[in-house]
């Protein structure tokens, strides 16, 4: 099978999946439409476009651009990520098997579907091709609902981002965890939508409970100064450590030592690949129900805990319960690792995707029972009923 993946630039959340495609397809190319922005490099991203032999950088040369156009028009299957709409149109003129790889379309609010510019964007990328050989890879559990509200149904697969999952001895992985006290970790940009302040308010509740813990916050952003001030105001300077921006490899080291990983984002978080990474590192994850990856990755009270987005009391109850039950931290961490290895690894995703493509090319549509390439059923934002 000849496969191409068209997106803006290759990043560390895509590269391991692309490596699997490269190793398992007759031909595979990643077509990069733009150079990685400077702000991403400052966040610790690596410029990968020149590192891998399958990357075609169409922003550098017209000859490469025309070669990429030929690939888009002729290959068996093409995945379109963040790329110009005209490239999708180029492919769909011939109604050839294609996939749109997207997070939420209405992450800023369901009412955005009534805004003409938003509606036109959705129409041009997806809706106008709903009766053609176009399918959606949902990199958020809420994508299928967004599309349903816009009139697109029934051709949505569960998908996501697929970070590296190292095959390690689980006991050795869990032995890296801090045993002197509960080490809690939060990773992300310090911006609106990540709800980092909820972590600080949580810390105040934990301190009043006289629990033995520290919280490390990795990342930078426009709200960093305000968050530092809030920590000082609440007297939490000895409990919360701001560690700044780090490379993905360095973040991984902190995840492997952490007992509990927090992800507090609201509905603006399309996927949240840090949850993949934390689960792969054996962390007991406590995550907001609003995050796009959570309904797909976390099974409540089996491999992690889910709390109602924005509800500090719900968050604190679940974190306190975990701190007081270290064996649960271990159990959830082990099962989280198993989930990533056995269901949500790049190897599993690539193998399943290739299989569904072969079936679709033979005019058959198959659905896996769960995990990548299973049916992306409609999940509304108010689904959270858990205790």
Protein backbone atom coordinates (compact mmCIF):
# COMPACT_ATOMS: atom_id res chain seq x y z
CA UNK A 1 0.00 0.00 0.00
CA UNK A 2 1.22 3.50 -0.89
CA UNK A 3 0.42 6.00 1.87
CA UNK A 4 1.05 9.72 2.32
CA UNK A 5 0.48 11.92 5.35
CA UNK A 6 0.09 15.64 4.61
CA UNK A 7 0.47 18.10 7.50
CA UNK A 8 2.21 21.32 8.48
CA UNK A 9 5.40 19.85 9.99
CA UNK A 10 6.56 16.62 11.59
CA UNK A 11 6.60 16.67 15.39
CA UNK A 12 7.39 14.27 18.23
CA UNK A 13 3.70 13.36 18.62
CA UNK A 14 3.56 12.03 15.03
CA UNK A 15 7.03 10.73 14.28
CA UNK A 16 6.70 7.29 15.89
CA UNK A 17 3.48 6.60 14.00
CA UNK A 18 5.13 7.78 10.78
CA UNK A 19 8.10 5.50 11.41
CA UNK A 20 5.70 2.56 11.63
CA UNK A 21 4.03 3.58 8.36
CA UNK A 22 7.45 3.87 6.71
CA UNK A 23 8.44 0.39 7.89
CA UNK A 24 5.16 -1.32 6.96
CA UNK A 25 3.99 0.29 3.73
CA UNK A 26 5.22 -0.24 0.18
CA UNK A 27 5.85 3.52 0.04
CA UNK A 28 5.28 6.22 2.65
CA UNK A 29 5.89 9.96 2.63
CA UNK A 30 5.21 12.73 5.12
CA UNK A 31 4.53 15.91 3.17
CA UNK A 32 5.43 18.97 5.27
CA UNK A 33 3.72 22.15 4.09
CA UNK A 34 5.51 24.69 6.32
CA UNK A 35 8.61 25.14 8.43
CA UNK A 36 8.26 24.52 12.16
CA UNK A 37 7.56 27.85 13.92
CA UNK A 38 10.18 29.41 16.17
CA UNK A 39 7.87 29.38 19.20
CA UNK A 40 7.59 25.59 18.94
CA UNK A 41 11.37 25.25 18.85
CA UNK A 42 11.56 27.45 21.97
CA UNK A 43 9.10 25.05 23.66
CA UNK A 44 11.55 22.19 23.13
CA UNK A 45 10.23 20.80 19.84
CA UNK A 46 12.83 19.45 17.42
CA UNK A 47 13.00 20.36 13.74
CA UNK A 48 12.40 16.86 12.35
CA UNK A 49 11.63 17.71 8.73
CA UNK A 50 15.23 17.20 7.62
CA UNK A 51 15.93 14.23 9.90
CA UNK A 52 13.80 11.49 8.32
CA UNK A 53 14.12 10.14 4.76
CA UNK A 54 10.38 10.03 4.14
CA UNK A 55 9.76 13.78 4.68
CA UNK A 56 9.09 15.96 1.61
CA UNK A 57 9.47 19.67 2.43
CA UNK A 58 7.32 21.36 -0.17
CA UNK A 59 8.00 24.81 1.30
CA UNK A 60 11.62 24.62 0.10
CA UNK A 61 11.38 23.90 -3.61
CA UNK A 62 8.82 23.95 -6.44
CA UNK A 63 10.08 20.62 -7.76
CA UNK A 64 9.33 19.03 -4.38
CA UNK A 65 5.92 20.70 -4.38
CA UNK A 66 4.99 19.23 -7.76
CA UNK A 67 6.29 15.80 -6.69
CA UNK A 68 4.09 16.02 -3.59
CA UNK A 69 1.07 17.00 -5.69
CA UNK A 70 1.61 13.90 -7.82
CA UNK A 71 1.78 11.72 -4.69
CA UNK A 72 -1.41 13.28 -3.33
CA UNK A 73 -3.24 12.59 -6.59
CA UNK A 74 -2.01 9.04 -7.17
CA UNK A 75 -1.21 7.21 -3.90
CA UNK A 76 -3.61 4.55 -2.59
CA UNK A 77 -4.36 6.44 0.64
CA UNK A 78 -3.71 9.97 1.89
CA UNK A 79 -4.12 11.33 5.42
CA UNK A 80 -4.66 15.08 5.67
CA UNK A 81 -3.75 16.84 8.90
CA UNK A 82 -3.16 20.57 9.32
CA UNK A 83 -2.67 21.53 5.69
CA UNK A 84 -4.14 23.85 3.03
CA UNK A 85 -7.67 22.91 1.94
CA UNK A 86 -6.63 23.03 -1.71
CA UNK A 87 -4.56 19.86 -1.19
CA UNK A 88 -7.66 17.99 -0.01
CA UNK A 89 -9.59 19.27 -3.00
CA UNK A 90 -6.78 18.12 -5.31
CA UNK A 91 -7.20 14.56 -4.04
CA UNK A 92 -10.98 14.49 -3.82
CA UNK A 93 -11.46 15.56 -7.43
CA UNK A 94 -10.75 11.91 -8.25
CA UNK A 95 -12.68 10.59 -5.20
CA UNK A 96 -9.74 8.57 -3.91
CA UNK A 97 -9.58 7.03 -0.43
CA UNK A 98 -8.67 9.77 2.04
CA UNK A 99 -8.75 10.56 5.74
CA UNK A 100 -9.02 13.84 7.62
CA UNK A 101 -6.98 13.72 10.83
CA UNK A 102 -8.54 16.31 13.18
CA UNK A 103 -9.01 17.26 16.80
CA UNK A 104 -12.12 19.19 17.81
CA UNK A 105 -13.70 21.53 15.29
CA UNK A 106 -15.76 23.37 17.93
CA UNK A 107 -13.34 23.43 20.86
CA UNK A 108 -14.08 27.12 21.49
CA UNK A 109 -17.80 26.39 21.88
CA UNK A 110 -20.54 24.43 20.12
CA UNK A 111 -22.15 27.69 19.00
CA UNK A 112 -19.13 28.37 16.76
CA UNK A 113 -20.80 26.21 14.12
CA UNK A 114 -23.10 29.15 13.43
CA UNK A 115 -20.22 31.51 12.63
CA UNK A 116 -19.92 31.73 8.81
CA UNK A 117 -16.11 31.50 8.71
CA UNK A 118 -16.07 28.40 10.95
CA UNK A 119 -18.90 26.78 9.01
CA UNK A 120 -17.12 27.41 5.70
CA UNK A 121 -13.90 25.87 7.02
CA UNK A 122 -15.74 22.72 8.11
CA UNK A 123 -17.68 22.64 4.84
CA UNK A 124 -14.53 22.93 2.70
CA UNK A 125 -12.51 20.32 4.64
CA UNK A 126 -15.14 17.71 5.44
CA UNK A 127 -18.83 18.30 4.74
CA UNK A 128 -18.64 18.78 0.98
CA UNK A 129 -17.07 15.30 0.71
CA UNK A 130 -19.37 13.43 3.08
CA UNK A 131 -20.75 11.27 0.24
CA UNK A 132 -17.32 10.48 -1.15
CA UNK A 133 -14.43 8.24 -0.06
CA UNK A 134 -13.48 10.50 2.81
CA UNK A 135 -13.29 9.29 6.43
CA UNK A 136 -12.37 11.05 9.66
CA UNK A 137 -9.66 10.07 12.15
CA UNK A 138 -10.93 11.61 15.39
CA UNK A 139 -8.07 12.96 17.49
CA UNK A 140 -10.60 13.85 20.19
CA UNK A 141 -13.49 11.93 21.68
CA UNK A 142 -15.66 14.99 20.95
CA UNK A 143 -14.84 15.30 17.23
CA UNK A 144 -17.66 12.98 16.13
CA UNK A 145 -20.17 15.09 18.10
CA UNK A 146 -18.90 18.31 16.53
CA UNK A 147 -19.25 16.74 13.08
CA UNK A 148 -22.69 15.34 13.90
CA UNK A 149 -23.89 18.84 14.79
CA UNK A 150 -22.66 19.98 11.37
CA UNK A 151 -24.32 17.12 9.44
CA UNK A 152 -21.49 14.54 9.08
CA UNK A 153 -22.16 11.08 10.55
CA UNK A 154 -21.08 7.46 10.47
CA UNK A 155 -17.57 7.67 8.95
CA UNK A 156 -15.56 8.50 12.06
CA UNK A 157 -12.80 6.34 13.54
CA UNK A 158 -11.28 6.64 17.00
CA UNK A 159 -7.77 7.95 16.59
CA UNK A 160 -5.44 10.30 18.46
CA UNK A 161 -1.76 11.01 18.88
CA UNK A 162 0.59 8.10 19.35
CA UNK A 163 3.67 8.84 21.38
CA UNK A 164 6.52 6.39 21.84
CA UNK A 165 5.82 3.48 24.17
CA UNK A 166 9.04 1.79 25.27
CA UNK A 167 8.78 -1.93 26.01
CA UNK A 168 10.32 -2.13 29.46
CA UNK A 169 10.19 -4.27 32.56
CA UNK A 170 7.15 -2.89 34.42
CA UNK A 171 8.62 -3.57 37.85
CA UNK A 172 11.75 -1.61 36.96
CA UNK A 173 9.61 1.22 35.61
CA UNK A 174 7.54 1.43 38.77
CA UNK A 175 10.65 1.23 40.98
CA UNK A 176 11.69 4.63 39.60
CA UNK A 177 8.75 6.24 41.38
CA UNK A 178 9.48 8.38 44.43
CA UNK A 179 8.68 6.53 47.65
CA UNK A 180 9.65 9.23 50.17
CA UNK A 181 6.51 11.26 49.49
CA UNK A 182 3.86 11.70 46.79
CA UNK A 183 5.42 13.44 43.82
CA UNK A 184 2.74 15.05 41.63
CA UNK A 185 3.50 16.33 38.13
CA UNK A 186 1.77 18.76 35.75
CA UNK A 187 3.10 19.48 32.23
CA UNK A 188 1.89 21.98 29.64
CA UNK A 189 1.84 25.56 28.43
CA UNK A 190 0.85 28.08 31.07
CA UNK A 191 -1.98 29.55 29.02
CA UNK A 192 -5.75 29.93 29.10
CA UNK A 193 -7.51 26.59 28.75
CA UNK A 194 -4.91 24.55 30.65
CA UNK A 195 -6.41 25.57 34.02
CA UNK A 196 -3.08 25.44 35.86
CA UNK A 197 -4.54 27.55 38.67
CA UNK A 198 -6.68 24.53 39.59
CA UNK A 199 -3.46 22.70 40.48
CA UNK A 200 -2.49 25.52 42.84
CA UNK A 201 -5.88 25.54 44.55
CA UNK A 202 -5.61 21.75 44.83
CA UNK A 203 -2.24 22.13 46.55
CA UNK A 204 -3.78 24.43 49.17
CA UNK A 205 -6.43 21.80 49.95
CA UNK A 206 -3.80 19.04 50.16
CA UNK A 207 -1.67 21.14 52.52
CA UNK A 208 -4.65 21.75 54.82
CA UNK A 209 -5.08 17.96 54.91
CA UNK A 210 -1.43 17.75 56.10
CA UNK A 211 -0.53 15.33 53.31
CA UNK A 212 3.07 14.64 52.29
CA UNK A 213 3.40 15.82 48.68
CA UNK A 214 5.14 18.16 46.25
CA UNK A 215 3.94 19.34 42.83
CA UNK A 216 6.29 19.98 39.90
CA UNK A 217 4.99 22.21 37.09
CA UNK A 218 6.83 21.97 33.76
CA UNK A 219 6.19 24.53 31.06
CA UNK A 220 6.08 28.23 30.31
CA UNK A 221 3.61 30.75 28.97
CA UNK A 222 1.85 34.07 29.35
CA UNK A 223 0.35 33.27 32.78
CA UNK A 224 3.60 32.14 34.40
CA UNK A 225 4.13 35.35 36.40
CA UNK A 226 0.56 35.39 37.72
CA UNK A 227 0.79 31.73 38.75
CA UNK A 228 4.04 32.39 40.64
CA UNK A 229 2.33 35.24 42.47
CA UNK A 230 -0.65 33.03 43.36
CA UNK A 231 1.67 30.35 44.78
CA UNK A 232 3.43 32.92 46.97
CA UNK A 233 0.14 34.48 48.08
CA UNK A 234 -1.20 31.10 49.22
CA UNK A 235 2.04 30.14 50.97
CA UNK A 236 2.78 27.19 48.70
CA UNK A 237 6.36 27.97 47.64
CA UNK A 238 7.74 24.89 49.43
CA UNK A 239 5.12 22.62 47.86
CA UNK A 240 5.03 23.77 44.22
CA UNK A 241 8.10 23.91 41.98
CA UNK A 242 8.05 25.75 38.64
CA UNK A 243 10.65 24.00 36.48
CA UNK A 244 10.26 25.91 33.21
CA UNK A 245 10.31 24.60 29.65
CA UNK A 246 12.05 21.27 29.01
CA UNK A 247 12.79 18.99 26.09
CA UNK A 248 10.49 15.96 25.62
CA UNK A 249 13.28 13.64 26.82
CA UNK A 250 13.74 15.60 30.03
CA UNK A 251 9.98 15.69 30.63
CA UNK A 252 9.96 11.91 30.26
CA UNK A 253 12.50 11.60 33.09
CA UNK A 254 10.24 13.57 35.42
CA UNK A 255 7.21 11.49 34.42
CA UNK A 256 9.03 8.27 35.25
CA UNK A 257 9.69 9.55 38.78
CA UNK A 258 6.22 10.98 39.38
CA UNK A 259 3.55 9.08 41.32
CA UNK A 260 0.52 11.07 40.14
CA UNK A 261 0.12 13.02 36.91
CA UNK A 262 -2.49 15.79 36.66
CA UNK A 263 -4.09 17.07 33.46
CA UNK A 264 -6.51 19.90 34.18
CA UNK A 265 -7.40 21.35 30.76
CA UNK A 266 -10.90 22.36 29.71
CA UNK A 267 -12.67 21.69 26.40
CA UNK A 268 -10.09 23.74 24.50
CA UNK A 269 -7.67 20.81 24.82
CA UNK A 270 -8.04 18.89 21.56
CA UNK A 271 -6.19 15.70 22.56
CA UNK A 272 -3.57 16.13 25.28
CA UNK A 273 -0.62 13.94 24.30
CA UNK A 274 1.00 14.43 27.72
CA UNK A 275 -1.56 11.90 28.99
CA UNK A 276 -0.19 9.29 26.55
CA UNK A 277 3.32 10.03 27.79
CA UNK A 278 2.35 9.94 31.47
CA UNK A 279 0.50 6.63 31.09
CA UNK A 280 3.49 5.19 29.20
CA UNK A 281 5.61 6.25 32.18
CA UNK A 282 3.46 4.35 34.67
CA UNK A 283 1.86 7.40 36.30
CA UNK A 284 -1.50 7.29 38.03
CA UNK A 285 -3.30 9.89 35.93
CA UNK A 286 -6.05 12.18 37.25
CA UNK A 287 -7.56 14.06 34.32
CA UNK A 288 -10.41 16.41 33.44
CA UNK A 289 -13.32 14.86 31.53
CA UNK A 290 -13.13 17.73 29.00
CA UNK A 291 -9.80 16.65 27.49
CA UNK A 292 -10.19 15.00 24.09
CA UNK A 293 -8.08 11.92 24.86
CA UNK A 294 -9.63 11.13 28.24
CA UNK A 295 -12.78 9.20 27.19
CA UNK A 296 -10.60 7.11 24.85
CA UNK A 297 -7.56 6.44 27.04
CA UNK A 298 -8.74 6.40 30.65
CA UNK A 299 -11.07 3.82 32.14
CA UNK A 300 -12.19 5.36 35.41
CA UNK A 301 -10.99 3.48 38.50
CA UNK A 302 -9.18 0.95 36.34
CA UNK A 303 -6.16 2.69 34.78
CA UNK A 304 -6.67 6.22 36.15
CA UNK A 305 -9.22 8.66 37.49
CA UNK A 306 -11.47 11.19 35.76
CA UNK A 307 -12.90 14.28 37.43
CA UNK A 308 -15.47 16.83 36.30
CA UNK A 309 -13.70 19.66 34.48
CA UNK A 310 -13.36 22.79 36.59
CA UNK A 311 -14.63 21.13 39.79
CA UNK A 312 -11.83 21.62 42.34
CA UNK A 313 -13.68 19.62 45.00
CA UNK A 314 -14.02 16.63 42.68
CA UNK A 315 -10.35 16.91 41.70
CA UNK A 316 -9.17 17.17 45.31
CA UNK A 317 -11.28 14.21 46.50
CA UNK A 318 -9.71 11.96 43.88
CA UNK A 319 -6.15 13.12 44.45
CA UNK A 320 -6.51 12.80 48.24
CA UNK A 321 -7.85 9.27 47.78
CA UNK A 322 -4.82 8.37 45.64
CA UNK A 323 -2.30 9.93 48.04
CA UNK A 324 -3.81 7.96 50.91
CA UNK A 325 -3.73 4.73 48.88
CA UNK A 326 -0.23 4.28 47.40
CA UNK A 327 -1.14 0.77 46.22
CA UNK A 328 -3.77 2.30 43.94
CA UNK A 329 -1.13 4.60 42.46
CA UNK A 330 0.89 1.49 41.62
CA UNK A 331 -2.12 -0.41 40.23
CA UNK A 332 -3.33 2.45 38.04
CA UNK A 333 0.22 3.15 36.84
CA UNK A 334 0.77 -0.49 35.82
CA UNK A 335 -2.58 -0.70 34.02
CA UNK A 336 -2.00 2.66 32.34
CA UNK A 337 1.27 1.34 30.93
CA UNK A 338 -0.48 -1.83 29.73
CA UNK A 339 -3.15 0.28 28.00
CA UNK A 340 -0.52 2.16 26.03
CA UNK A 341 1.51 -0.92 25.09
CA UNK A 342 -1.39 -3.17 24.14
CA UNK A 343 -3.86 -0.74 22.62
CA UNK A 344 -2.62 2.81 22.01
CA UNK A 345 0.94 2.35 20.81
CA UNK A 346 2.17 3.56 17.39
CA UNK A 347 2.61 -0.08 16.34
CA UNK A 348 -1.00 -0.96 17.15
CA UNK A 349 -2.36 2.17 15.48
CA UNK A 350 -0.36 1.78 12.26
CA UNK A 351 -1.22 -1.91 11.92
CA UNK A 352 -4.92 -1.30 12.41
CA UNK A 353 -4.96 1.65 10.04
CA UNK A 354 -3.28 -0.30 7.26
CA UNK A 355 -5.78 -3.11 7.76
CA UNK A 356 -8.86 -0.87 7.55
CA UNK A 357 -7.43 0.81 4.43
CA UNK A 358 -6.93 -2.52 2.67
CA UNK A 359 -10.53 -3.42 3.46
CA UNK A 360 -11.88 -0.06 2.30
CA UNK A 361 -9.99 -0.38 -0.97
CA UNK A 362 -11.73 -3.75 -1.38
CA UNK A 363 -15.10 -2.04 -0.73
CA UNK A 364 -15.36 -3.46 2.82
CA UNK A 365 -15.53 -1.43 6.00
CA UNK A 366 -14.36 -3.00 9.26
CA UNK A 367 -14.41 -1.62 12.79
CA UNK A 368 -12.22 -2.75 15.68
CA UNK A 369 -14.05 -3.28 18.96
CA UNK A 370 -12.06 -0.69 20.90
CA UNK A 371 -8.98 1.49 20.66
CA UNK A 372 -7.64 2.99 17.42
CA UNK A 373 -9.83 2.41 14.35
CA UNK A 374 -12.86 1.44 16.38
CA UNK A 375 -16.09 3.33 15.82
CA UNK A 376 -16.02 6.90 17.17
CA UNK A 377 -19.44 7.05 18.75
CA UNK A 378 -20.96 10.42 19.61
CA UNK A 379 -19.89 11.64 23.05
CA UNK A 380 -21.48 14.85 24.32
CA UNK A 381 -19.66 17.28 26.57
CA UNK A 382 -21.92 16.49 29.56
CA UNK A 383 -21.29 12.73 29.52
CA UNK A 384 -19.41 12.72 32.82
CA UNK A 385 -21.43 10.76 35.41
CA UNK A 386 -18.63 9.21 37.44
CA UNK A 387 -18.16 9.19 41.21
